[in-house]
Amino acid sequence: MFLSGKGRVISSGHFNTKNNKKMSVLTVQINGEIHKFFGSGKVPQFNFGDMIEFLLIAQKQEGQGYTFYLAKAEEISKKTEQ
């Protein structure tokens, strides 16, 4: 299942896994709540306060709720300029 949304960036960063795979971590404020998402290293770096649109992949976990993977994110102001 895919979910799209908008939010304000709290923090953004990249890191390498043990397998040398580049990953991103993005903390976003959505409707007053803070959420942290992990995604591929292809997600760009954002600054504190940037407004972004994002796309999440939701996967149902057996015996649990959903886990969310950040598929795509882009800054709203840059998107409207193009």
Protein backbone atom coordinates (compact mmCIF):
# COMPACT_ATOMS: atom_id res chain seq x y z
CA MET A 1 0.00 0.00 0.00
CA PHE A 2 1.25 3.50 -0.84
CA LEU A 3 0.59 6.58 1.29
CA SER A 4 1.40 10.16 0.37
CA GLY A 5 1.58 13.17 2.64
CA LYS A 6 3.07 16.54 3.47
CA GLY A 7 5.04 17.63 6.51
CA ARG A 8 7.75 19.85 7.98
CA VAL A 9 11.27 18.46 8.30
CA ILE A 10 12.66 18.20 11.84
CA SER A 11 15.87 16.35 10.90
CA SER A 12 17.34 14.63 7.88
CA GLY A 13 20.41 12.48 7.44
CA HIS A 14 22.13 9.59 5.68
CA PHE A 15 24.10 6.62 6.96
CA ASN A 16 25.68 3.40 5.69
CA THR A 17 24.56 -0.02 6.88
CA LYS A 18 26.92 -2.89 7.73
CA ASN A 19 26.52 -4.04 4.11
CA ASN A 20 27.61 -0.59 2.83
CA LYS A 21 24.09 0.20 1.66
CA LYS A 22 23.33 3.94 1.86
CA MET A 23 20.14 4.72 3.79
CA SER A 24 18.32 7.89 4.79
CA VAL A 25 16.48 8.79 7.96
CA LEU A 26 13.92 11.58 7.99
CA THR A 27 12.05 12.98 10.99
CA VAL A 28 8.92 14.87 9.94
CA GLN A 29 6.20 16.77 11.79
CA ILE A 30 2.77 15.86 10.38
CA ASN A 31 -0.33 17.49 11.89
CA GLY A 32 1.59 18.26 15.08
CA GLU A 33 2.91 14.69 15.52
CA ILE A 34 6.54 13.67 15.00
CA HIS A 35 7.27 10.62 12.81
CA LYS A 36 10.60 9.02 11.83
CA PHE A 37 10.95 7.23 8.50
CA PHE A 38 13.80 5.24 6.96
CA GLY A 39 14.37 5.06 3.21
CA SER A 40 16.89 4.59 0.45
CA GLY A 41 19.99 6.74 0.17
CA LYS A 42 18.48 8.35 -2.95
CA VAL A 43 16.24 10.55 -0.79
CA PRO A 44 17.80 14.05 -0.81
CA GLN A 45 19.10 15.90 2.25
CA PHE A 46 16.64 18.46 3.67
CA ASN A 47 17.05 21.35 6.11
CA PHE A 48 15.14 21.97 9.34
CA GLY A 49 11.79 23.59 8.56
CA ASP A 50 11.57 22.56 4.90
CA MET A 51 8.04 21.64 3.79
CA ILE A 52 8.09 18.37 1.86
CA GLU A 53 5.80 15.96 0.07
CA PHE A 54 6.60 12.30 0.55
CA LEU A 55 5.51 8.83 -0.53
CA LEU A 56 5.57 5.90 1.90
CA ILE A 57 5.32 2.18 1.29
CA ALA A 58 3.29 0.51 4.06
CA GLN A 59 3.94 -3.18 4.75
CA LYS A 60 1.71 -5.25 7.04
CA GLN A 61 3.77 -7.12 9.63
CA GLU A 62 2.55 -10.49 10.84
CA GLY A 63 0.98 -10.10 14.30
CA GLN A 64 1.77 -6.36 14.37
CA GLY A 65 0.72 -3.17 12.67
CA TYR A 66 2.40 -1.66 9.64
CA THR A 67 5.97 -0.63 8.97
CA PHE A 68 6.60 2.35 6.71
CA TYR A 69 9.45 2.78 4.23
CA LEU A 70 10.20 6.18 2.70
CA ALA A 71 10.05 5.72 -1.08
CA LYS A 72 10.30 9.34 -2.27
CA ALA A 73 10.46 12.87 -0.86
CA GLU A 74 10.83 16.32 -2.39
CA GLU A 75 10.69 19.88 -1.14
CA ILE A 76 7.37 21.55 -1.97
CA SER A 77 8.80 24.95 -3.00
CA LYS A 78 11.26 23.35 -5.45
CA LYS A 79 8.47 21.23 -6.93
CA THR A 80 6.25 24.26 -7.63
CA GLU A 81 9.11 26.20 -9.30
CA GLN A 82 9.50 23.59 -12.06
